[in-house]
Amino acid sequence: LISAEKDVCPALKEPIVRIGDPETELLRELQIKDYDLFVIGLIHSFSARQFYKRMKSKFYQASSCPILVVKNLSSINRVAILIQPDDDTKLQAETFLMLFQNAAIAVDIVTCMFHRKVALKRKHLDESPGEKDRAGSSIVNRLEEAGFSPDIIALKGDAASIGDRLSD
């Protein structure tokens, strides 16, 4: 699988193989070495409930670096960078560019504002003046400098609703 993906992402290295509980071993590896990014594959079909459970797991809560979740065995033609309103997005921008600098892909910058039991609201941030600043204008500017034209989207709602929207 790594060999097949190197055409799309030449920055990939050889995999590290560990035996044991996956979350424990992954956290141990992240603590031993200073990683800039952790990439994990996910089966092509997943539900909002699985997404929410995954995001609340010990591994995702205790990770010392950003985590990129990608669908396995599918060609990449669009990438969503998820941020929260107060995120410092410099590392996300630089990591994205390291992986996808010369890729011909569409990019979405998605600001997720999680609320409990609220209907999902979606809007492009350029419809609402001033929101772009809260949505990580530094990442947008950096990606535009690198030749990308990211779509800027804000998603407000409960985790299940946001997970459903992101599964498209």
Protein backbone atom coordinates (compact mmCIF):
# COMPACT_ATOMS: atom_id res chain seq x y z
CA LEU A 1 0.00 0.00 0.00
CA ILE A 2 2.82 2.42 0.82
CA SER A 3 4.37 1.87 -2.62
CA ALA A 4 1.05 2.59 -4.34
CA GLU A 5 0.60 5.82 -2.39
CA LYS A 6 4.14 7.16 -3.04
CA ASP A 7 3.07 8.42 -6.47
CA VAL A 8 0.55 10.76 -4.84
CA CYS A 9 2.60 11.52 -1.72
CA PRO A 10 6.37 11.15 -2.25
CA ALA A 11 7.07 12.21 1.36
CA LEU A 12 5.91 8.81 2.66
CA LYS A 13 8.53 6.74 4.48
CA GLU A 14 8.70 3.02 5.18
CA PRO A 15 6.09 1.89 7.73
CA ILE A 16 6.91 1.16 11.37
CA VAL A 17 5.52 -2.17 12.57
CA ARG A 18 4.66 -2.77 16.25
CA ILE A 19 2.90 -5.62 18.08
CA GLY A 20 0.35 -4.90 20.82
CA ASP A 21 -2.64 -2.69 21.48
CA PRO A 22 -2.75 -0.24 18.55
CA GLU A 23 -3.58 2.88 20.57
CA THR A 24 -0.96 2.14 23.22
CA GLU A 25 1.74 1.38 20.65
CA LEU A 26 0.91 4.42 18.53
CA LEU A 27 0.97 6.75 21.53
CA ARG A 28 4.28 5.22 22.66
CA GLU A 29 5.79 5.84 19.21
CA LEU A 30 4.55 9.44 19.17
CA GLN A 31 6.10 10.02 22.60
CA ILE A 32 9.45 8.44 21.67
CA LYS A 33 9.98 10.50 18.52
CA ASP A 34 9.14 14.10 17.69
CA TYR A 35 6.68 13.76 14.78
CA ASP A 36 5.21 16.71 12.88
CA LEU A 37 2.22 14.72 11.66
CA PHE A 38 0.61 11.31 12.10
CA VAL A 39 -1.27 9.86 9.10
CA ILE A 40 -3.78 7.08 9.65
CA GLY A 41 -5.86 5.20 7.10
CA LEU A 42 -9.57 4.67 7.51
CA ILE A 43 -11.82 2.29 5.62
CA HIS A 44 -13.74 3.97 2.84
CA SER A 45 -17.14 3.82 4.50
CA PHE A 46 -17.56 5.02 8.03
CA SER A 47 -20.44 6.46 10.00
CA ALA A 48 -20.73 9.67 11.95
CA ARG A 49 -20.94 7.62 15.16
CA GLN A 50 -17.63 5.87 14.31
CA PHE A 51 -16.04 9.24 13.49
CA TYR A 52 -17.17 10.76 16.78
CA LYS A 53 -16.03 7.69 18.77
CA ARG A 54 -12.64 7.84 17.06
CA MET A 55 -12.19 11.56 17.81
CA LYS A 56 -13.02 10.97 21.51
CA SER A 57 -10.64 8.00 21.89
CA LYS A 58 -7.56 8.08 24.12
CA PHE A 59 -5.27 8.13 21.09
CA TYR A 60 -6.79 11.21 19.45
CA GLN A 61 -7.09 13.07 22.75
CA ALA A 62 -3.50 12.37 23.85
CA SER A 63 -1.68 12.70 20.52
CA SER A 64 1.29 15.06 20.62
CA CYS A 65 0.96 16.06 16.95
CA PRO A 66 -1.75 16.70 14.34
CA ILE A 67 -3.46 13.61 12.90
CA LEU A 68 -4.37 13.29 9.23
CA VAL A 69 -7.14 10.74 8.63
CA VAL A 70 -7.27 9.46 5.03
CA LYS A 71 -9.55 7.01 3.31
CA ASN A 72 -7.65 3.87 2.32
CA LEU A 73 -7.33 2.71 -1.27
CA SER A 74 -8.90 5.73 -2.88
CA SER A 75 -7.31 8.31 -5.09
CA ILE A 76 -7.06 11.71 -3.50
CA ASN A 77 -8.72 14.52 -5.42
CA ARG A 78 -9.89 16.63 -2.49
CA VAL A 79 -8.48 17.27 0.99
CA ALA A 80 -10.28 18.82 3.95
CA ILE A 81 -8.17 20.53 6.60
CA LEU A 82 -10.22 20.67 9.79
CA ILE A 83 -9.55 23.50 12.20
CA GLN A 84 -11.26 25.01 15.18
CA PRO A 85 -11.78 28.78 15.47
CA ASP A 86 -8.84 29.41 17.82
CA ASP A 87 -6.32 27.04 16.18
CA ASP A 88 -2.83 28.22 15.30
CA THR A 89 -2.80 26.88 11.74
CA LYS A 90 0.82 27.45 10.74
CA LEU A 91 1.82 23.81 11.40
CA GLN A 92 -1.22 22.48 9.55
CA ALA A 93 -0.42 24.64 6.51
CA GLU A 94 3.25 23.66 6.39
CA THR A 95 2.49 19.97 6.92
CA PHE A 96 -0.14 20.03 4.17
CA LEU A 97 2.31 21.70 1.79
CA MET A 98 5.03 19.20 2.64
CA LEU A 99 2.69 16.37 1.66
CA PHE A 100 0.77 17.88 -1.24
CA GLN A 101 2.88 20.76 -2.65
CA ASN A 102 2.72 19.59 -6.27
CA ALA A 103 -0.54 17.68 -6.14
CA ALA A 104 -3.47 18.68 -8.32
CA ILE A 105 -6.15 18.49 -5.62
CA ALA A 106 -8.95 20.64 -4.31
CA VAL A 107 -8.66 21.88 -0.74
CA ASP A 108 -11.35 22.71 1.81
CA ILE A 109 -10.53 24.63 4.97
CA VAL A 110 -13.28 23.51 7.34
CA THR A 111 -13.79 25.33 10.62
CA CYS A 112 -15.66 22.98 12.96
CA MET A 113 -17.62 24.53 15.79
CA PHE A 114 -19.00 21.69 17.85
CA HIS A 115 -22.23 22.17 19.77
CA ARG A 116 -24.46 19.60 21.37
CA LYS A 117 -27.78 18.78 19.71
CA VAL A 118 -27.79 21.71 17.32
CA ALA A 119 -28.83 21.39 13.70
CA LEU A 120 -25.93 21.44 11.25
CA LYS A 121 -25.35 24.80 9.61
CA ARG A 122 -23.03 25.16 6.64
CA LYS A 123 -21.96 28.33 4.93
CA HIS A 124 -19.09 29.65 2.93
CA LEU A 125 -17.28 32.16 5.10
CA ASP A 126 -17.04 34.80 2.40
CA GLU A 127 -20.81 35.27 2.86
CA SER A 128 -20.22 36.62 6.34
CA PRO A 129 -17.65 39.44 6.69
CA GLY A 130 -15.20 39.05 9.55
CA GLU A 131 -15.59 35.28 9.97
CA LYS A 132 -12.64 34.49 7.69
CA ASP A 133 -10.29 35.97 10.32
CA ARG A 134 -11.65 33.60 12.96
CA ALA A 135 -11.45 30.66 10.56
CA GLY A 136 -7.70 30.61 10.16
CA SER A 137 -6.87 33.26 7.59
CA SER A 138 -3.17 32.41 8.00
CA ILE A 139 -3.69 28.91 6.59
CA VAL A 140 -5.78 30.29 3.73
CA ASN A 141 -3.13 32.88 2.90
CA ARG A 142 -0.30 30.33 3.02
CA LEU A 143 -2.12 27.87 0.76
CA GLU A 144 -3.01 30.64 -1.69
CA GLU A 145 0.66 31.68 -1.78
CA ALA A 146 1.50 28.09 -2.72
CA GLY A 147 -0.98 28.10 -5.62
CA PHE A 148 -4.00 26.44 -4.01
CA SER A 149 -7.47 28.00 -3.98
CA PRO A 150 -9.09 26.58 -0.86
CA ASP A 151 -12.83 26.61 -0.33
CA ILE A 152 -13.56 28.03 3.10
CA ILE A 153 -16.41 26.37 4.96
CA ALA A 154 -17.78 26.70 8.49
CA LEU A 155 -19.64 23.77 10.02
CA LYS A 156 -21.60 24.29 13.21
CA GLY A 157 -23.45 21.52 14.92
CA ASP A 158 -23.11 18.38 16.96
CA ALA A 159 -20.28 15.95 16.22
CA ALA A 160 -22.57 13.44 14.48
CA SER A 161 -23.91 16.06 12.06
CA ILE A 162 -20.43 17.32 11.24
CA GLY A 163 -19.19 13.75 10.79
CA ASP A 164 -22.06 13.04 8.37
CA ARG A 165 -21.24 16.14 6.33
CA LEU A 166 -17.55 15.24 6.16
CA SER A 167 -18.23 11.70 4.95
CA ASP A 168 -19.22 13.02 1.50
